[in-house]
């Protein structure tokens, strides 16, 4: 009579079977999440006051996302400390996809570059969903400045002490100005203001020589002929002002770019199935012709990016601006 074979359970087999069961469970739970999310209202935290262009774009995207996802999208303005108050709130929110951040250059790149001890890490605390809009910085000068071209400006700066205005110390305009000096060898005096409007007023009044501001903000003054315009710091020419060359064209630095951008991020550890739903919905919204037309009408460039693209943008910009902050010894106010 043949002997019964003793069953032997090898530890490796047990581990392998356990992992397969877990993997199957995760796939099922991910599929279930994708099928049921969202089941209630989603909140987009805007870390700036209501009423401005940043808030307006967030509300436009929120309205369209609501249509795509079939659930209300609520805008929650939590302003303060250069966008860090609202960003901290979202970083600490439940990682379930129902609380998102309308994050941008100032809160996810510039503030972390200036303040190493924030209550959130722009890379580790958030899961990117997608970049939505961006606008390049622009260099313009007062109307009475003798230099009318970039070549003339750089030559003039060698023998004249020029000042440049920005929306404040540590603003993206300030960092763009410092990068410009590194790229060109020019030496400029930084004059920080509390916002772009007072900086522009003093430029128009002749109190300062130059300004670094977004193309969106400067377009009305440029079209009215009230300022000299030297260059736009974008990868390509600005559609609203196609006759203005890029910095790369003029100073021989093809990668010379300085953008102000915004997009959506979720708290870190938000399930991949949830962020996939949000990413797909956001791509659908930003590629919709009417949405794109409204973004362009507001002076910005629509960006139908992937989550991966936004993640790379955050890391690359953070490295670039942290380097400028360190090398130029920029201290926050």
Protein backbone atom coordinates (compact mmCIF):
# COMPACT_ATOMS: atom_id res chain seq x y z
CA UNK A 1 0.00 0.00 0.00
CA UNK A 2 1.45 3.32 -0.95
CA UNK A 3 2.23 5.67 1.92
CA UNK A 4 0.41 8.94 2.35
CA UNK A 5 2.61 11.86 1.43
CA UNK A 6 3.17 14.32 4.22
CA UNK A 7 2.23 17.84 3.22
CA UNK A 8 5.13 20.26 3.72
CA UNK A 9 4.45 24.02 3.72
CA UNK A 10 7.57 25.96 2.85
CA UNK A 11 7.89 29.46 4.34
CA UNK A 12 8.64 30.92 0.90
CA UNK A 13 5.46 29.42 -0.53
CA UNK A 14 3.42 30.81 2.32
CA UNK A 15 4.86 34.31 1.82
CA UNK A 16 4.28 34.13 -1.94
CA UNK A 17 0.67 33.02 -1.49
CA UNK A 18 0.07 35.74 1.09
CA UNK A 19 1.45 38.41 -1.23
CA UNK A 20 -0.71 37.18 -4.09
CA UNK A 21 -3.80 37.30 -1.89
CA UNK A 22 -2.91 40.81 -0.70
CA UNK A 23 -2.24 41.98 -4.25
CA UNK A 24 -5.58 40.63 -5.35
CA UNK A 25 -7.30 42.36 -2.46
CA UNK A 26 -5.61 45.66 -3.29
CA UNK A 27 -6.64 45.40 -6.93
CA UNK A 28 -10.21 44.73 -5.92
CA UNK A 29 -10.22 47.59 -3.41
CA UNK A 30 -8.65 49.93 -6.00
CA UNK A 31 -11.27 48.98 -8.55
CA UNK A 32 -14.00 49.49 -5.97
CA UNK A 33 -12.63 52.94 -5.10
CA UNK A 34 -12.50 53.93 -8.75
CA UNK A 35 -16.12 52.84 -9.15
CA UNK A 36 -17.43 54.69 -6.09
CA UNK A 37 -15.26 57.83 -5.99
CA UNK A 38 -16.42 60.51 -5.59
CA UNK A 39 -19.53 59.87 -3.53
CA UNK A 40 -19.75 63.31 -1.90
CA UNK A 41 -18.61 66.91 -2.36
CA UNK A 42 -14.95 67.67 -3.04
CA UNK A 43 -13.26 70.72 -1.52
CA UNK A 44 -10.54 72.64 -3.36
CA UNK A 45 -8.56 74.80 -0.95
CA UNK A 46 -7.31 78.02 -2.53
CA UNK A 47 -4.53 79.40 -0.29
CA UNK A 48 -5.21 83.00 -1.37
CA UNK A 49 -8.08 85.48 -0.89
CA UNK A 50 -11.26 85.28 -2.93
CA UNK A 51 -11.73 87.62 -5.86
CA UNK A 52 -8.31 87.55 -7.52
CA UNK A 53 -7.29 85.82 -10.77
CA UNK A 54 -5.91 82.82 -8.86
CA UNK A 55 -9.27 82.31 -7.17
CA UNK A 56 -11.14 82.87 -10.45
CA UNK A 57 -9.21 80.11 -12.23
CA UNK A 58 -9.74 77.70 -9.35
CA UNK A 59 -13.49 78.39 -9.46
CA UNK A 60 -13.58 77.85 -13.21
CA UNK A 61 -11.85 74.47 -12.87
CA UNK A 62 -13.96 73.54 -9.84
CA UNK A 63 -17.19 74.24 -11.72
CA UNK A 64 -16.12 72.11 -14.68
CA UNK A 65 -14.82 69.29 -12.45
CA UNK A 66 -18.19 69.17 -10.74
CA UNK A 67 -19.85 68.51 -14.10
CA UNK A 68 -17.39 65.75 -15.00
CA UNK A 69 -17.37 64.02 -11.60
CA UNK A 70 -21.06 64.40 -10.85
CA UNK A 71 -20.50 65.83 -7.37
CA UNK A 72 -20.35 69.39 -5.97
CA UNK A 73 -16.90 71.01 -5.87
CA UNK A 74 -16.56 73.63 -3.14
CA UNK A 75 -13.91 76.36 -3.15
CA UNK A 76 -12.48 77.10 0.32
CA UNK A 77 -10.26 80.20 0.52
CA UNK A 78 -7.68 79.80 3.29
CA UNK A 79 -5.31 82.69 2.75
CA UNK A 80 -2.21 83.62 4.70
CA UNK A 81 1.58 83.54 4.78
CA UNK A 82 2.15 83.36 1.03
CA UNK A 83 -0.13 80.40 0.56
CA UNK A 84 1.40 78.26 3.30
CA UNK A 85 -1.63 78.34 5.63
CA UNK A 86 -3.93 76.67 3.13
CA UNK A 87 -1.18 74.34 1.96
CA UNK A 88 -0.53 73.15 5.52
CA UNK A 89 -4.25 72.53 5.99
CA UNK A 90 -4.41 70.25 2.95
CA UNK A 91 -1.17 68.45 3.84
CA UNK A 92 -2.83 67.46 7.13
CA UNK A 93 -6.22 66.60 5.62
CA UNK A 94 -7.46 63.00 5.24
CA UNK A 95 -5.85 61.34 2.21
CA UNK A 96 -9.15 60.35 0.60
CA UNK A 97 -9.33 62.67 -2.42
CA UNK A 98 -12.05 64.89 -0.98
CA UNK A 99 -9.73 67.75 0.04
CA UNK A 100 -7.44 69.12 -2.68
CA UNK A 101 -5.05 72.06 -2.93
CA UNK A 102 -4.97 74.64 -5.70
CA UNK A 103 -1.20 74.74 -5.38
CA UNK A 104 1.19 76.89 -7.30
CA UNK A 105 4.67 78.27 -7.64
CA UNK A 106 4.46 80.47 -4.56
CA UNK A 107 3.18 77.81 -2.14
CA UNK A 108 4.80 74.66 -3.54
CA UNK A 109 8.15 76.05 -4.73
CA UNK A 110 9.06 79.58 -3.63
CA UNK A 111 7.92 79.34 0.01
CA UNK A 112 9.68 75.98 0.56
CA UNK A 113 12.83 77.41 -1.05
CA UNK A 114 12.78 80.37 1.36
CA UNK A 115 11.51 78.67 4.51
CA UNK A 116 13.13 75.28 5.16
CA UNK A 117 11.04 74.62 8.28
CA UNK A 118 7.52 74.73 6.86
CA UNK A 119 4.88 72.36 8.20
CA UNK A 120 4.78 70.56 4.86
CA UNK A 121 7.17 69.28 2.23
CA UNK A 122 6.14 70.14 -1.35
CA UNK A 123 7.26 66.73 -2.63
CA UNK A 124 6.58 64.39 0.30
CA UNK A 125 3.35 65.93 1.62
CA UNK A 126 1.36 65.93 -1.62
CA UNK A 127 0.33 63.71 -4.51
CA UNK A 128 0.27 65.63 -7.83
CA UNK A 129 -2.88 65.47 -9.95
CA UNK A 130 -2.05 67.88 -12.77
CA UNK A 131 -0.89 71.37 -13.74
CA UNK A 132 -3.73 73.51 -15.07
CA UNK A 133 -2.49 77.01 -15.95
CA UNK A 134 0.80 78.83 -16.21
CA UNK A 135 2.11 82.23 -17.22
CA UNK A 136 5.68 83.35 -17.90
CA UNK A 137 7.41 86.20 -16.11
CA UNK A 138 8.26 89.29 -18.12
CA UNK A 139 10.90 92.01 -17.91
CA UNK A 140 9.70 95.54 -18.66
CA UNK A 141 11.08 99.02 -18.03
CA UNK A 142 9.81 102.55 -17.46
CA UNK A 143 8.90 104.43 -20.61
CA UNK A 144 11.65 107.02 -20.13
CA UNK A 145 14.49 104.50 -19.93
CA UNK A 146 16.93 105.15 -22.82
CA UNK A 147 17.45 101.40 -23.45
CA UNK A 148 14.74 100.10 -25.79
CA UNK A 149 16.09 96.60 -26.51
CA UNK A 150 17.68 93.89 -24.42
CA UNK A 151 21.12 94.55 -25.93
CA UNK A 152 20.78 98.25 -25.12
CA UNK A 153 19.55 97.44 -21.61
CA UNK A 154 22.53 95.20 -20.82
CA UNK A 155 24.94 97.79 -22.19
CA UNK A 156 23.22 100.58 -20.24
CA UNK A 157 23.30 98.54 -17.02
CA UNK A 158 27.11 98.37 -17.20
CA UNK A 159 27.43 102.12 -16.60
CA UNK A 160 24.19 102.90 -14.78
CA UNK A 161 22.81 101.54 -11.54
CA UNK A 162 19.34 100.24 -12.39
CA UNK A 163 16.61 99.23 -9.96
CA UNK A 164 13.93 96.60 -10.42
CA UNK A 165 10.58 96.35 -8.68
CA UNK A 166 8.81 93.15 -7.64
CA UNK A 167 5.74 92.09 -5.67
CA UNK A 168 7.98 91.43 -2.66
CA UNK A 169 11.10 89.80 -1.30
CA UNK A 170 11.05 86.13 -2.17
CA UNK A 171 8.34 86.52 -4.79
CA UNK A 172 8.71 84.69 -8.09
CA UNK A 173 9.47 88.08 -9.67
CA UNK A 174 12.32 88.59 -7.22
CA UNK A 175 13.78 85.17 -7.91
CA UNK A 176 13.41 85.72 -11.67
CA UNK A 177 15.30 88.99 -11.30
CA UNK A 178 18.12 87.29 -9.45
CA UNK A 179 18.27 84.53 -12.06
CA UNK A 180 18.38 87.20 -14.78
CA UNK A 181 21.40 88.80 -13.14
CA UNK A 182 23.18 85.45 -12.94
CA UNK A 183 22.43 84.72 -16.58
CA UNK A 184 23.47 88.11 -17.95
CA UNK A 185 26.03 89.45 -15.47
CA UNK A 186 23.92 92.59 -14.93
CA UNK A 187 23.88 94.17 -11.48
CA UNK A 188 20.47 95.49 -10.39
CA UNK A 189 19.07 96.92 -7.16
CA UNK A 190 16.00 95.06 -5.90
CA UNK A 191 13.10 97.21 -4.68
CA UNK A 192 10.44 94.99 -3.05
CA UNK A 193 6.80 96.10 -2.74
CA UNK A 194 3.77 94.63 -1.05
CA UNK A 195 2.16 93.37 -4.22
CA UNK A 196 2.39 93.85 -7.95
CA UNK A 197 0.07 96.88 -8.14
CA UNK A 198 2.22 99.30 -6.08
CA UNK A 199 5.34 98.05 -7.87
CA UNK A 200 3.74 98.80 -11.24
CA UNK A 201 2.54 102.21 -10.06
CA UNK A 202 6.08 103.25 -9.17
CA UNK A 203 7.39 101.93 -12.49
CA UNK A 204 4.81 104.01 -14.36
CA UNK A 205 5.70 106.99 -12.17
CA UNK A 206 9.41 106.62 -12.93
CA UNK A 207 10.48 105.82 -9.36
CA UNK A 208 11.98 102.48 -10.43
CA UNK A 209 13.61 101.42 -13.70
CA UNK A 210 12.49 97.84 -14.30
CA UNK A 211 9.91 95.32 -13.19
CA UNK A 212 9.68 91.54 -13.20
CA UNK A 213 6.01 90.53 -13.32
CA UNK A 214 3.77 88.04 -15.07
CA UNK A 215 2.96 88.59 -18.72
CA UNK A 216 -0.72 88.42 -17.79
CA UNK A 217 -0.33 91.31 -15.34
CA UNK A 218 1.77 93.46 -17.67
CA UNK A 219 -0.17 92.98 -20.93
CA UNK A 220 -2.53 95.99 -20.56
CA UNK A 221 0.39 98.37 -19.90
CA UNK A 222 2.40 96.92 -22.77
CA UNK A 223 -0.46 97.22 -25.25
CA UNK A 224 -1.06 100.79 -24.09
CA UNK A 225 2.59 101.63 -24.80
CA UNK A 226 3.24 102.74 -21.23
CA UNK A 227 6.36 100.60 -20.70
CA UNK A 228 9.37 99.29 -22.59
CA UNK A 229 9.19 95.52 -22.95
CA UNK A 230 12.40 93.52 -23.20
CA UNK A 231 11.65 89.82 -22.99
CA UNK A 232 9.37 87.08 -21.72
CA UNK A 233 10.81 84.25 -19.62
CA UNK A 234 8.93 81.42 -21.26
CA UNK A 235 9.87 78.36 -23.27
CA UNK A 236 8.19 80.03 -26.24
CA UNK A 237 6.81 83.46 -27.09
CA UNK A 238 3.74 84.59 -25.19
CA UNK A 239 0.64 84.16 -27.41
CA UNK A 240 -0.88 87.45 -26.27
CA UNK A 241 2.27 89.39 -27.23
CA UNK A 242 3.91 87.33 -30.00
CA UNK A 243 6.32 90.11 -31.06
CA UNK A 244 8.19 90.02 -27.75
CA UNK A 245 11.19 87.63 -27.82
CA UNK A 246 11.97 85.09 -25.13
CA UNK A 247 14.88 85.42 -22.74
CA UNK A 248 16.39 82.34 -24.36
CA UNK A 249 16.41 84.04 -27.75
CA UNK A 250 18.16 87.12 -26.41
CA UNK A 251 20.64 85.93 -23.81
CA UNK A 252 21.56 82.60 -25.37
CA UNK A 253 20.09 80.45 -22.62
CA UNK A 254 17.58 78.16 -24.25
CA UNK A 255 16.32 76.86 -20.91
CA UNK A 256 15.89 80.28 -19.27
CA UNK A 257 12.35 79.98 -17.95
CA UNK A 258 10.46 81.50 -15.04
CA UNK A 259 6.80 80.59 -14.77
CA UNK A 260 4.02 81.23 -12.33
CA UNK A 261 1.78 78.15 -12.47
CA UNK A 262 -1.12 76.48 -10.66
CA UNK A 263 -2.51 72.98 -10.49
CA UNK A 264 -4.17 70.45 -8.22
CA UNK A 265 -2.50 68.25 -5.63
CA UNK A 266 -3.94 65.88 -3.05
CA UNK A 267 -2.54 64.90 0.36
CA UNK A 268 0.22 62.30 0.22
CA UNK A 269 -0.90 58.66 0.39
CA UNK A 270 -4.19 59.35 -1.35
CA UNK A 271 -5.07 56.00 -3.01
CA UNK A 272 -3.79 55.68 -6.56
CA UNK A 273 -7.25 54.68 -7.77
CA UNK A 274 -8.64 57.97 -6.45
CA UNK A 275 -5.92 60.19 -7.89
CA UNK A 276 -6.32 58.39 -11.22
CA UNK A 277 -9.99 59.38 -11.31
CA UNK A 278 -9.10 62.98 -10.47
CA UNK A 279 -6.28 63.12 -13.02
CA UNK A 280 -8.52 61.79 -15.78
CA UNK A 281 -11.29 64.25 -14.90
CA UNK A 282 -8.88 67.19 -14.77
CA UNK A 283 -7.42 66.32 -18.17
CA UNK A 284 -10.92 66.22 -19.60
CA UNK A 285 -11.71 69.64 -18.13
CA UNK A 286 -8.54 71.37 -19.33
CA UNK A 287 -8.81 69.98 -22.85
CA UNK A 288 -12.41 71.19 -23.19
CA UNK A 289 -12.41 74.06 -25.76
CA UNK A 290 -14.59 76.43 -23.73
CA UNK A 291 -12.43 76.02 -20.62
CA UNK A 292 -9.26 76.60 -22.62
CA UNK A 293 -10.77 79.68 -24.23
CA UNK A 294 -11.61 81.17 -20.83
CA UNK A 295 -8.09 80.50 -19.54
CA UNK A 296 -6.52 82.10 -22.62
CA UNK A 297 -8.89 85.08 -22.36
CA UNK A 298 -7.56 85.58 -18.84
CA UNK A 299 -4.01 85.87 -20.18
CA UNK A 300 -2.74 82.43 -19.16
CA UNK A 301 -1.68 79.26 -20.92
CA UNK A 302 -3.81 76.14 -20.31
CA UNK A 303 -1.71 73.10 -19.42
CA UNK A 304 -3.35 69.71 -19.85
CA UNK A 305 -0.59 67.90 -17.98
CA UNK A 306 -0.28 64.54 -16.32
CA UNK A 307 0.32 64.03 -12.62
CA UNK A 308 3.87 62.99 -13.51
CA UNK A 309 4.48 66.28 -15.35
CA UNK A 310 3.37 68.33 -12.34
CA UNK A 311 5.50 66.24 -10.00
CA UNK A 312 8.55 66.82 -12.16
CA UNK A 313 7.80 70.55 -12.40
CA UNK A 314 7.62 70.85 -8.61
CA UNK A 315 10.93 69.06 -8.11
CA UNK A 316 12.76 70.88 -10.91
CA UNK A 317 11.52 74.35 -9.94
CA UNK A 318 12.24 73.68 -6.29
CA UNK A 319 15.83 72.74 -7.09
CA UNK A 320 16.28 75.76 -9.37
CA UNK A 321 14.87 78.36 -6.99
CA UNK A 322 16.51 76.88 -3.90
CA UNK A 323 19.83 77.19 -5.71
CA UNK A 324 19.12 80.85 -6.53
CA UNK A 325 18.03 81.57 -2.95
CA UNK A 326 21.27 80.08 -1.63
CA UNK A 327 23.68 81.57 -4.16
CA UNK A 328 22.10 85.03 -4.07
CA UNK A 329 21.73 84.93 -0.26
CA UNK A 330 18.05 85.82 -0.36
CA UNK A 331 16.49 86.24 3.08
CA UNK A 332 12.73 86.38 3.68
CA UNK A 333 11.30 89.52 5.20
